[in-house]
Amino acid sequence: MSRQFISSSAVDDAVPRSDQRAITLPLPARVALALLSGALVGIPWLSPELFWTAWIGWIPLLFALRHASLKGALMCGWLTGTVCFAIASHWMLDFVRYLDDFSPLAIVGLSAGFWLYAGLAIGLACVLFRWLTRQLGGWELLSFPLCLVAAMAWYPLLFQTHFAEAQAAFLLGLQGVDLVGAKGLDVVMMLCSVLLYRILAGDGRGMALRGNVLATGVLAVWFAYGAFSLASWDERMQGWDSRSIGLVQPNDPVTLALPEPPRGFSREHPEEMAATVRLAAAGAQLVVWPEARYKGYFDYFSVRQAYAQALADSGVALIFHDPEGRWVDGNEVHYNSVVHLDPTGEQAGLYRKMRRMPFGEYRPAFFSLPGLNWLTTQLFGEFLRPLAAGTEHVEFAVDGMRIIPKVCYETAFPTDVADAIGGDAAGKVLLFLSQDNWFGETTQPFQHRAMSVVRAVENRVPMIHLINNGPSVVAAPNGRTLASTPAFSRAELVAELRFSPDVGGSLYSRYPRVFSNAIHGVLGLLCLLALVGRGRRREG
């Protein structure tokens, strides 16, 4: 029999006749399913105890995409993505309000614009997924997770987005990130949704059945490894020593101006230093301050001298954040810096933030073009304060610990953090310093804390995340919370950090790009197979 050209609808994944009604699924039903998926995937960002909804959250979208056109796939994916990001980043409303004196309508409009823009990433991923499915006649178990994870990596967003970072409360499911990172957990979560979708849709015969069995095996291995690893680390840590870490959470309000010290304090003796003296008296070996108000450490000799005297009197080391200015080749250059002072008050280390925040600490080159430059200036105004980027990862040696400092949303870049840990990881401790009051009393700082917990598990090191307005956290290498502070309040705490100078590091911290490259490589191979198959069909 001679081969004939097969239309795109005819090369869709094989569907039982009993499922033919899916082909004529009406538009309102597709829209409702897409919206439902966005809600299910976004809910864990609001309520971490509902982490499980993300494991099944893509099922409605997959039904909405079944036999959809490419245009329909774009629409459904975009709706899902927009709803998901609107739920996860509802704090955009507060952030825009703090930027400038915008009207309520402008605040909603700018926030909605961000949600629509971010949601488009899911829409584009769904277009690629539908095209692959039509050309290959199936392969959803592989193509759906790869398309979505790759699209989220390629799409230009302010920060990398990993759905795994809403799973910090699900320690059993989280442990495998030490092998493949957050992207690996993203793939596993989506694989779970696709598997359940195929079962519900009746796709379980022949090759499809073998695929389902293989996917079930992958999930079983993932959770078995999680159970073993979680218990193993709990047992391992029982023999570790502890370090007493003093956390100062001042809950400073946000401001673009340089605020004066509160009544009764001065730049030479700020509130944080008074808290440091108290924490040292309570047994802290190291005290940490968050990213917060300007301190003047780099600008005033009197401040440096007073800090040195206070620490020498207390006998405690201090790590804190402050803006730094330097003259380089006749130009004044500013950095977002973290300082380490030893117990004698001498400066023992300095870290300059490497990954800057777009539109807050630098303007991306594209947005410096005429017209766009004016627009970003109007939107971000004084919030945009250009800073230079640091050039190297740094470690601070404190009482046997090798502390790796990072600032604010450097937590959102897993490969950067893994590079800082590297293959020589024994004794390292992650330290994140943040100022999250820009987002009001929302779930954003809780999401930020969850990111840092995932970074701890990825790299199998203890972690401290001190947030100006809380909730701050000290976590073990398996993600268990060792100490925490309440959110949106002032707090002082001496936390006991379980620590071993001989332990640290993971497969992911040594090879953080292997799994990501594999995702892109396999997806590229699928696209190549789809193009070759399409060409052969046309030749036939």
Protein backbone atom coordinates (compact mmCIF):
# COMPACT_ATOMS: atom_id res chain seq x y z
CA MET A 1 0.00 0.00 0.00
CA SER A 2 1.45 3.37 -0.96
CA ARG A 3 2.06 5.88 1.79
CA GLN A 4 0.00 9.06 1.83
CA PHE A 5 0.44 12.40 3.55
CA ILE A 6 -1.06 12.23 7.00
CA SER A 7 -2.68 15.34 8.45
CA SER A 8 -1.56 16.69 11.81
CA SER A 9 -4.80 15.55 13.43
CA ALA A 10 -4.27 12.03 12.19
CA VAL A 11 -0.82 11.76 13.71
CA ASP A 12 -2.03 12.74 17.17
CA ASP A 13 -1.23 10.32 19.94
CA ALA A 14 -3.34 7.19 19.59
CA VAL A 15 -6.66 7.57 21.36
CA PRO A 16 -9.19 4.84 22.09
CA ARG A 17 -12.55 5.26 20.39
CA SER A 18 -14.11 5.53 23.82
CA ASP A 19 -12.18 8.78 24.23
CA GLN A 20 -13.29 10.38 20.96
CA ARG A 21 -15.42 12.88 22.85
CA ALA A 22 -12.16 14.52 24.05
CA ILE A 23 -11.61 15.64 20.47
CA THR A 24 -14.71 17.81 20.57
CA LEU A 25 -14.12 19.18 24.06
CA PRO A 26 -15.81 22.60 23.96
CA LEU A 27 -13.80 25.77 24.44
CA PRO A 28 -15.37 26.67 27.82
CA ALA A 29 -14.37 23.26 29.16
CA ARG A 30 -10.79 23.67 27.94
CA VAL A 31 -10.62 27.12 29.56
CA ALA A 32 -11.99 25.78 32.85
CA LEU A 33 -9.47 22.92 32.87
CA ALA A 34 -6.58 25.30 32.13
CA LEU A 35 -7.65 27.63 34.94
CA LEU A 36 -7.96 24.69 37.32
CA SER A 37 -4.42 23.57 36.51
CA GLY A 38 -3.07 27.04 37.21
CA ALA A 39 -4.76 27.04 40.61
CA LEU A 40 -3.53 23.56 41.55
CA VAL A 41 0.07 24.28 40.57
CA GLY A 42 0.05 27.69 42.27
CA ILE A 43 -1.61 26.73 45.57
CA PRO A 44 1.53 25.29 47.26
CA TRP A 45 3.17 28.71 47.02
CA LEU A 46 0.37 30.03 49.27
CA SER A 47 -0.07 26.99 51.52
CA PRO A 48 3.02 24.74 51.65
CA GLU A 49 1.05 21.99 53.43
CA LEU A 50 -0.90 21.59 50.17
CA PHE A 51 2.30 20.63 48.32
CA TRP A 52 0.55 17.57 46.87
CA THR A 53 -1.66 19.63 44.55
CA ALA A 54 1.37 20.40 42.36
CA TRP A 55 1.96 16.66 41.82
CA ILE A 56 -1.48 16.34 40.18
CA GLY A 57 -1.83 19.95 39.08
CA TRP A 58 -0.96 19.47 35.40
CA ILE A 59 -3.63 16.82 34.79
CA PRO A 60 -6.46 19.25 33.90
CA LEU A 61 -4.17 21.12 31.51
CA LEU A 62 -3.20 17.87 29.78
CA PHE A 63 -6.87 17.10 29.18
CA ALA A 64 -7.36 20.65 27.88
CA LEU A 65 -4.45 20.15 25.48
CA ARG A 66 -5.71 16.79 24.22
CA HIS A 67 -6.22 17.19 20.44
CA ALA A 68 -5.98 20.99 20.73
CA SER A 69 -4.60 23.03 17.87
CA LEU A 70 -1.33 24.84 18.38
CA LYS A 71 -3.25 28.06 18.85
CA GLY A 72 -5.47 26.35 21.38
CA ALA A 73 -2.42 24.94 23.18
CA LEU A 74 -0.96 28.44 23.45
CA MET A 75 -4.20 29.77 24.90
CA CYS A 76 -4.61 26.94 27.43
CA GLY A 77 -0.99 27.03 28.57
CA TRP A 78 -1.02 30.80 28.84
CA LEU A 79 -4.14 30.71 31.02
CA THR A 80 -2.59 28.09 33.27
CA GLY A 81 0.66 30.00 33.56
CA THR A 82 -1.03 33.34 34.24
CA VAL A 83 -3.19 31.93 37.02
CA CYS A 84 -0.25 30.06 38.51
CA PHE A 85 1.97 33.16 38.59
CA ALA A 86 -0.86 35.38 39.84
CA ILE A 87 -1.26 33.06 42.82
CA ALA A 88 2.44 32.46 43.42
CA SER A 89 3.49 36.11 42.98
CA HIS A 90 0.43 37.90 44.35
CA TRP A 91 2.99 39.99 46.24
CA MET A 92 3.62 41.93 43.02
CA LEU A 93 0.76 44.18 44.10
CA ASP A 94 2.64 45.24 47.24
CA PHE A 95 5.97 45.46 45.44
CA VAL A 96 4.58 47.84 42.77
CA ARG A 97 2.91 49.90 45.48
CA TYR A 98 6.29 50.42 47.18
CA LEU A 99 8.01 51.38 43.92
CA ASP A 100 6.19 54.67 43.46
CA ASP A 101 2.98 56.51 44.13
CA PHE A 102 0.98 54.56 41.56
CA SER A 103 -2.80 54.60 41.47
CA PRO A 104 -4.64 51.39 42.45
CA LEU A 105 -5.55 50.84 38.79
CA ALA A 106 -1.91 51.19 37.73
CA ILE A 107 -0.80 48.80 40.48
CA VAL A 108 -3.24 46.15 39.29
CA GLY A 109 -2.39 46.79 35.65
CA LEU A 110 1.38 46.52 36.12
CA SER A 111 1.00 43.39 38.26
CA ALA A 112 -1.33 41.78 35.74
CA GLY A 113 1.15 42.62 33.00
CA PHE A 114 3.85 40.73 34.89
CA TRP A 115 1.58 37.71 35.45
CA LEU A 116 0.61 37.61 31.78
CA TYR A 117 4.22 37.93 30.69
CA ALA A 118 5.42 35.20 33.03
CA GLY A 119 2.48 32.95 32.17
CA LEU A 120 3.37 33.09 28.49
CA ALA A 121 6.32 30.80 29.26
CA ILE A 122 3.88 27.97 30.00
CA GLY A 123 1.90 28.80 26.86
CA LEU A 124 4.97 28.54 24.64
CA ALA A 125 5.94 25.28 26.33
CA CYS A 126 2.50 23.86 25.56
CA VAL A 127 2.81 24.82 21.89
CA LEU A 128 6.08 22.91 21.65
CA PHE A 129 4.57 19.97 23.53
CA ARG A 130 1.55 19.77 21.24
CA TRP A 131 3.73 20.00 18.13
CA LEU A 132 5.95 17.19 19.37
CA THR A 133 2.96 15.05 20.31
CA ARG A 134 1.43 15.50 16.88
CA GLN A 135 4.64 14.68 15.07
CA LEU A 136 5.77 11.79 17.25
CA GLY A 137 2.36 10.25 17.94
CA GLY A 138 2.78 10.28 21.71
CA TRP A 139 5.81 10.46 24.02
CA GLU A 140 3.93 12.66 26.51
CA LEU A 141 5.72 11.13 29.51
CA LEU A 142 8.98 12.54 28.21
CA SER A 143 8.01 15.53 26.10
CA PHE A 144 5.67 17.32 28.54
CA PRO A 145 8.12 17.59 31.47
CA LEU A 146 11.04 18.43 29.19
CA CYS A 147 9.13 21.13 27.27
CA LEU A 148 7.96 22.88 30.44
CA VAL A 149 11.26 22.71 32.31
CA ALA A 150 13.25 23.83 29.26
CA ALA A 151 10.84 26.69 28.54
CA MET A 152 11.13 27.96 32.11
CA ALA A 153 14.92 27.92 31.72
CA TRP A 154 14.96 29.70 28.35
CA TYR A 155 12.24 32.27 28.97
CA PRO A 156 13.59 35.64 30.18
CA LEU A 157 12.21 36.17 33.67
CA LEU A 158 13.60 38.26 36.53
CA PHE A 159 14.40 35.11 38.48
CA GLN A 160 14.55 31.43 37.68
CA THR A 161 11.31 29.66 38.55
CA HIS A 162 11.30 26.09 39.87
CA PHE A 163 8.04 24.50 40.96
CA ALA A 164 10.15 22.30 43.24
CA GLU A 165 10.73 25.31 45.50
CA ALA A 166 7.14 25.06 46.71
CA GLN A 167 7.95 21.55 48.01
CA ALA A 168 10.19 22.51 50.95
CA ALA A 169 7.58 21.10 53.35
CA PHE A 170 7.59 17.73 51.55
CA LEU A 171 10.95 16.42 52.73
CA LEU A 172 10.35 12.89 51.42
CA GLY A 173 9.93 14.18 47.88
CA LEU A 174 12.68 16.78 48.20
CA GLN A 175 15.72 14.59 48.91
CA GLY A 176 16.48 13.65 45.30
CA VAL A 177 17.44 17.21 44.42
CA ASP A 178 20.94 16.42 45.73
CA LEU A 179 21.32 14.30 42.57
CA VAL A 180 19.56 16.33 39.86
CA GLY A 181 18.69 19.70 41.41
CA ALA A 182 15.36 21.50 41.51
CA LYS A 183 14.84 20.93 37.78
CA GLY A 184 14.97 17.21 38.40
CA LEU A 185 12.18 17.46 40.96
CA ASP A 186 10.20 19.61 38.51
CA VAL A 187 10.50 16.80 35.96
CA VAL A 188 9.43 14.14 38.48
CA MET A 189 6.39 16.15 39.60
CA MET A 190 5.28 16.66 36.00
CA LEU A 191 5.93 13.00 35.22
CA CYS A 192 3.52 12.11 38.02
CA SER A 193 0.82 14.29 36.48
CA VAL A 194 1.34 12.87 32.99
CA LEU A 195 1.24 9.29 34.29
CA LEU A 196 -2.05 9.88 36.14
CA TYR A 197 -3.46 11.69 33.09
CA ARG A 198 -2.65 8.73 30.83
CA ILE A 199 -4.30 6.31 33.25
CA LEU A 200 -7.41 8.47 33.52
CA ALA A 201 -7.52 8.89 29.73
CA GLY A 202 -7.24 5.15 29.15
CA ASP A 203 -3.83 5.32 27.47
CA GLY A 204 -2.43 2.10 28.85
CA ARG A 205 -2.01 -0.48 26.11
CA GLY A 206 1.02 -1.72 24.19
CA MET A 207 3.88 0.76 24.16
CA ALA A 208 1.84 3.13 26.29
CA LEU A 209 1.58 0.50 29.03
CA ARG A 210 5.34 -0.04 29.04
CA GLY A 211 5.84 3.71 29.32
CA ASN A 212 3.43 3.87 32.25
CA VAL A 213 5.24 1.03 34.01
CA LEU A 214 8.59 2.75 33.48
CA ALA A 215 7.25 6.06 34.82
CA THR A 216 5.82 4.28 37.86
CA GLY A 217 9.25 2.76 38.46
CA VAL A 218 10.93 6.16 38.28
CA LEU A 219 8.52 7.56 40.88
CA ALA A 220 9.00 4.53 43.13
CA VAL A 221 12.79 4.88 42.99
CA TRP A 222 12.54 8.62 43.66
CA PHE A 223 10.49 8.16 46.83
CA ALA A 224 12.50 5.16 47.99
CA TYR A 225 15.66 7.24 47.71
CA GLY A 226 13.91 10.07 49.55
CA ALA A 227 12.90 7.83 52.47
CA PHE A 228 16.37 6.29 52.75
CA SER A 229 18.19 9.61 52.42
CA LEU A 230 15.99 11.47 54.90
CA ALA A 231 16.45 8.81 57.57
CA SER A 232 20.16 8.44 56.83
CA TRP A 233 20.85 12.15 57.28
CA ASP A 234 18.79 12.29 60.48
CA GLU A 235 20.89 9.49 61.94
CA ARG A 236 24.12 10.96 60.64
CA MET A 237 23.54 14.35 62.22
CA GLN A 238 23.02 12.92 65.70
CA GLY A 239 26.79 12.67 66.14
CA TRP A 240 27.56 16.19 64.94
CA ASP A 241 28.65 19.13 67.06
CA SER A 242 26.65 22.34 67.10
CA ARG A 243 27.54 25.98 66.63
CA SER A 244 25.62 28.75 68.41
CA ILE A 245 24.55 31.34 65.83
CA GLY A 246 23.01 34.64 66.91
CA LEU A 247 20.35 35.95 64.52
CA VAL A 248 19.31 39.60 64.56
CA GLN A 249 16.02 40.28 62.77
CA PRO A 250 15.41 44.06 63.02
CA ASN A 251 12.32 44.25 60.75
CA ASP A 252 13.45 47.59 59.35
CA PRO A 253 10.88 49.30 57.10
CA VAL A 254 11.89 49.75 53.48
CA THR A 255 12.98 53.15 52.24
CA LEU A 256 14.92 54.57 49.30
CA ALA A 257 16.43 57.25 51.55
CA LEU A 258 19.28 56.83 54.05
CA PRO A 259 17.39 56.63 57.36
CA GLU A 260 18.76 58.15 60.53
CA PRO A 261 19.39 55.77 63.45
CA PRO A 262 16.47 55.38 65.88
CA ARG A 263 16.40 57.53 69.01
CA GLY A 264 19.00 56.40 71.52
CA PHE A 265 21.26 54.84 68.90
CA SER A 266 23.87 56.06 66.43
CA ARG A 267 25.71 54.81 63.39
CA GLU A 268 28.57 53.86 65.69
CA HIS A 269 26.23 51.94 68.01
CA PRO A 270 23.14 50.77 66.08
CA GLU A 271 20.33 48.66 67.46
CA GLU A 272 21.86 45.60 65.80
CA MET A 273 25.10 46.03 67.78
CA ALA A 274 23.18 46.24 71.03
CA ALA A 275 21.45 42.99 70.08
CA THR A 276 24.84 41.49 69.20
CA VAL A 277 26.16 42.20 72.69
CA ARG A 278 23.10 40.51 74.21
CA LEU A 279 23.40 37.47 71.93
CA ALA A 280 27.12 37.15 72.71
CA ALA A 281 26.29 37.15 76.41
CA ALA A 282 23.73 34.39 75.69
CA GLY A 283 26.43 32.18 74.16
CA ALA A 284 26.47 33.05 70.45
CA GLN A 285 29.77 32.25 68.74
CA LEU A 286 28.79 34.16 65.61
CA VAL A 287 26.18 36.90 65.15
CA VAL A 288 24.58 37.68 61.77
CA TRP A 289 22.66 40.74 60.63
CA PRO A 290 20.42 40.69 57.53
CA GLU A 291 20.34 42.89 54.47
CA ALA A 292 18.65 45.96 55.94
CA ARG A 293 19.28 49.65 56.64
CA TYR A 294 22.43 51.53 55.61
CA LYS A 295 25.10 51.32 58.33
CA GLY A 296 27.95 53.50 57.07
CA TYR A 297 30.64 50.91 57.80
CA PHE A 298 32.54 51.60 54.58
CA ASP A 299 32.00 55.35 54.68
CA TYR A 300 32.97 56.27 58.27
CA PHE A 301 36.13 55.39 60.18
CA SER A 302 34.28 56.04 63.44
CA VAL A 303 31.81 53.27 62.61
CA ARG A 304 34.56 50.78 61.82
CA GLN A 305 36.39 51.68 65.00
CA ALA A 306 33.27 51.39 67.18
CA TYR A 307 32.33 48.01 65.68
CA ALA A 308 35.83 46.68 66.30
CA GLN A 309 35.75 47.78 69.93
CA ALA A 310 32.30 46.32 70.59
CA LEU A 311 33.25 42.94 69.11
CA ALA A 312 36.57 42.84 70.94
CA ASP A 313 34.72 43.51 74.21
CA SER A 314 32.13 40.80 73.44
CA GLY A 315 34.49 38.24 71.89
CA VAL A 316 32.10 37.33 69.10
CA ALA A 317 32.43 37.26 65.30
CA LEU A 318 29.99 39.28 63.16
CA ILE A 319 28.73 39.03 59.58
CA PHE A 320 26.59 41.84 58.17
CA HIS A 321 25.57 43.57 54.94
CA ASP A 322 26.21 47.16 53.89
CA PRO A 323 26.49 49.13 50.61
CA GLU A 324 30.13 49.65 49.64
CA GLY A 325 31.61 52.43 47.52
CA ARG A 326 35.03 52.28 45.86
CA TRP A 327 36.95 54.42 43.39
CA VAL A 328 38.05 52.42 40.35
CA ASP A 329 39.99 54.14 37.54
CA GLY A 330 38.66 57.52 38.59
CA ASN A 331 35.01 56.34 38.79
CA GLU A 332 33.00 55.66 41.92
CA VAL A 333 31.73 52.08 41.89
CA HIS A 334 29.17 50.69 44.32
CA TYR A 335 28.72 47.11 45.48
CA ASN A 336 26.21 45.18 47.55
CA SER A 337 28.65 43.74 50.08
CA VAL A 338 28.82 41.38 53.04
CA VAL A 339 31.49 41.91 55.70
CA HIS A 340 33.02 39.40 58.11
CA LEU A 341 34.60 40.78 61.29
CA ASP A 342 36.46 38.37 63.54
CA PRO A 343 36.13 38.40 67.38
CA THR A 344 38.87 41.04 67.62
CA GLY A 345 36.92 43.36 65.34
CA GLU A 346 39.31 43.00 62.41
CA GLN A 347 37.85 42.65 58.91
CA ALA A 348 38.48 39.01 57.99
CA GLY A 349 36.46 38.74 54.79
CA LEU A 350 34.43 40.62 52.18
CA TYR A 351 31.91 39.31 49.65
CA ARG A 352 30.44 41.41 46.85
CA LYS A 353 27.11 40.28 45.45
CA MET A 354 27.61 38.60 42.08
CA ARG A 355 24.06 38.07 40.78
CA ARG A 356 22.38 41.48 40.75
CA MET A 357 18.64 42.10 40.63
CA PRO A 358 17.43 43.42 37.25
CA PHE A 359 15.89 46.92 37.43
CA GLY A 360 16.85 47.25 41.10
CA GLU A 361 20.63 46.93 40.94
CA TYR A 362 21.23 47.18 37.21
CA ARG A 363 19.38 47.90 33.99
CA PRO A 364 19.60 45.08 31.40
CA ALA A 365 21.27 46.26 28.20
CA PHE A 366 18.11 45.79 26.10
CA PHE A 367 16.18 48.17 28.36
CA SER A 368 18.82 50.87 27.93
CA LEU A 369 17.74 51.43 24.33
CA PRO A 370 16.04 54.75 23.51
CA GLY A 371 12.41 54.71 24.57
CA LEU A 372 12.81 51.64 26.76
CA ASN A 373 15.33 53.54 28.86
CA TRP A 374 12.71 56.24 29.49
CA LEU A 375 10.03 53.65 30.28
CA THR A 376 12.09 51.75 32.85
CA THR A 377 13.14 55.03 34.47
CA GLN A 378 9.50 56.04 34.80
CA LEU A 379 8.52 52.67 36.26
CA PHE A 380 11.41 52.03 38.64
CA GLY A 381 12.56 55.59 39.36
CA GLU A 382 14.83 55.82 42.39
CA PHE A 383 14.46 52.08 43.03
CA LEU A 384 16.97 51.56 40.22
CA ARG A 385 20.37 52.17 41.78
CA PRO A 386 23.13 50.73 39.58
CA LEU A 387 25.60 48.48 41.38
CA ALA A 388 28.66 46.66 40.10
CA ALA A 389 28.79 42.87 40.27
CA GLY A 390 31.24 40.94 42.38
CA THR A 391 33.52 38.58 40.52
CA GLU A 392 34.14 35.63 42.84
CA HIS A 393 32.59 33.36 45.43
CA VAL A 394 34.00 33.87 48.91
CA GLU A 395 34.09 31.82 52.10
CA PHE A 396 34.38 33.15 55.66
CA ALA A 397 36.26 30.98 58.18
CA VAL A 398 34.40 31.07 61.51
CA ASP A 399 35.06 28.56 64.30
CA GLY A 400 35.74 25.66 61.93
CA MET A 401 32.88 26.57 59.57
CA ARG A 402 33.45 27.64 55.97
CA ILE A 403 30.56 30.07 55.53
CA ILE A 404 29.44 30.86 51.96
CA PRO A 405 27.64 34.25 51.96
CA LYS A 406 25.00 35.18 49.39
CA VAL A 407 22.68 38.19 49.21
CA CYS A 408 18.92 38.27 48.65
CA TYR A 409 17.72 36.60 45.43
CA GLU A 410 21.01 34.86 44.77
CA THR A 411 19.05 32.02 46.40
CA ALA A 412 17.03 31.77 43.18
CA PHE A 413 19.98 30.61 41.06
CA PRO A 414 20.80 26.98 41.91
CA THR A 415 23.83 26.63 39.66
CA ASP A 416 25.43 29.77 41.12
CA VAL A 417 24.99 28.44 44.63
CA ALA A 418 26.30 25.02 43.60
CA ASP A 419 29.35 26.65 42.02
CA ALA A 420 30.04 28.37 45.35
CA ILE A 421 29.87 25.02 47.16
CA GLY A 422 31.72 23.05 44.47
CA GLY A 423 33.55 19.79 44.90
CA ASP A 424 35.46 20.97 47.97
CA ALA A 425 32.41 21.22 50.20
CA ALA A 426 33.35 19.68 53.55
CA GLY A 427 32.53 22.07 56.39
CA LYS A 428 30.72 24.62 54.25
CA VAL A 429 27.59 26.44 55.44
CA LEU A 430 25.29 28.50 53.23
CA LEU A 431 24.38 31.97 54.53
CA PHE A 432 21.71 34.07 52.81
CA LEU A 433 20.99 37.67 53.89
CA SER A 434 17.75 39.24 52.66
CA GLN A 435 15.52 42.30 52.88
CA ASP A 436 11.98 41.26 51.93
CA ASN A 437 9.91 44.09 53.35
CA TRP A 438 9.50 45.36 49.78
CA PHE A 439 6.78 42.74 49.39
CA GLY A 440 4.66 43.62 52.40
CA GLU A 441 3.08 41.06 54.72
CA THR A 442 2.57 38.46 52.00
CA THR A 443 3.80 34.91 51.47
CA GLN A 444 6.86 36.14 49.54
CA PRO A 445 9.37 35.84 52.42
CA PHE A 446 8.04 32.34 53.12
CA GLN A 447 8.66 31.47 49.46
CA HIS A 448 12.14 32.98 49.71
CA ARG A 449 12.86 30.87 52.77
CA ALA A 450 11.65 27.76 50.93
CA MET A 451 14.08 28.48 48.07
CA SER A 452 16.99 28.51 50.48
CA VAL A 453 15.88 25.22 52.06
CA VAL A 454 15.97 23.59 48.62
CA ARG A 455 19.49 25.02 48.08
CA ALA A 456 20.58 23.36 51.35
CA VAL A 457 19.32 19.95 50.25
CA GLU A 458 20.70 20.32 46.73
CA ASN A 459 24.19 20.87 48.12
CA ARG A 460 23.88 18.85 51.35
CA VAL A 461 25.17 21.60 53.60
CA PRO A 462 23.66 23.38 56.63
CA MET A 463 21.98 26.66 55.79
CA ILE A 464 21.15 29.96 57.49
CA HIS A 465 18.73 32.38 55.84
CA LEU A 466 18.34 35.62 57.77
CA ILE A 467 15.49 37.78 56.46
CA ASN A 468 15.12 41.35 57.74
CA ASN A 469 11.39 40.94 58.35
CA GLY A 470 11.40 37.16 58.84
CA PRO A 471 10.71 34.34 58.84
CA SER A 472 14.41 33.53 59.20
CA VAL A 473 15.47 29.89 59.26
CA VAL A 474 18.35 27.58 60.11
CA ALA A 475 18.09 24.27 58.24
CA ALA A 476 19.93 20.95 58.16
CA PRO A 477 21.36 19.37 54.97
CA ASN A 478 18.19 17.28 54.58
CA GLY A 479 15.94 20.33 54.84
CA ARG A 480 14.77 19.88 58.41
CA THR A 481 14.22 23.15 60.27
CA LEU A 482 16.61 23.53 63.21
CA ALA A 483 15.46 27.01 64.25
CA SER A 484 13.21 29.75 62.93
CA THR A 485 11.82 33.16 63.79
CA PRO A 486 8.32 34.59 63.33
CA ALA A 487 7.53 36.65 60.26
CA PHE A 488 6.96 40.41 60.15
CA SER A 489 8.42 41.07 63.59
CA ARG A 490 11.61 41.99 65.42
CA ALA A 491 13.49 39.02 66.83
CA GLU A 492 16.74 37.92 68.42
CA LEU A 493 17.62 34.25 68.56
CA VAL A 494 20.55 32.01 69.43
CA ALA A 495 20.15 29.04 67.06
CA GLU A 496 22.01 25.76 67.37
CA LEU A 497 23.39 24.79 63.98
CA ARG A 498 24.24 21.09 63.59
CA PHE A 499 27.59 20.99 61.86
CA SER A 500 30.46 18.68 60.86
CA PRO A 501 33.74 19.96 59.38
CA ASP A 502 34.08 16.70 57.45
CA VAL A 503 30.68 16.63 55.73
CA GLY A 504 29.16 18.58 52.85
CA GLY A 505 28.53 18.50 49.14
CA SER A 506 26.53 16.36 46.74
CA LEU A 507 26.48 15.06 43.21
CA TYR A 508 24.56 18.17 42.23
CA SER A 509 27.04 20.57 43.85
CA ARG A 510 29.85 18.92 41.90
CA TYR A 511 28.02 18.71 38.56
CA PRO A 512 25.15 21.23 38.66
CA ARG A 513 24.70 21.52 34.88
CA VAL A 514 24.67 17.87 33.86
CA PHE A 515 20.95 17.21 34.32
CA SER A 516 19.97 20.58 32.86
CA ASN A 517 22.09 19.93 29.78
CA ALA A 518 20.58 16.46 29.50
CA ILE A 519 17.08 17.98 29.48
CA HIS A 520 17.98 20.29 26.63
CA GLY A 521 19.83 17.55 24.77
CA VAL A 522 16.99 15.02 24.95
CA LEU A 523 14.44 17.67 24.03
CA GLY A 524 16.58 18.64 21.05
CA LEU A 525 16.74 15.01 19.99
CA LEU A 526 12.93 14.71 20.20
CA CYS A 527 12.57 17.82 18.04
CA LEU A 528 15.01 16.37 15.52
CA LEU A 529 13.07 13.09 15.40
CA ALA A 530 9.86 15.04 14.92
CA LEU A 531 11.34 17.03 12.02
CA VAL A 532 12.80 13.92 10.37
CA GLY A 533 9.52 12.07 10.75
CA ARG A 534 7.59 14.99 9.29
CA GLY A 535 9.93 15.13 6.31
CA ARG A 536 9.53 11.43 5.65
CA ARG A 537 5.76 11.67 5.78
CA ARG A 538 5.84 14.46 3.21
CA GLU A 539 8.16 12.47 0.96
CA GLY A 540 5.82 9.51 1.20
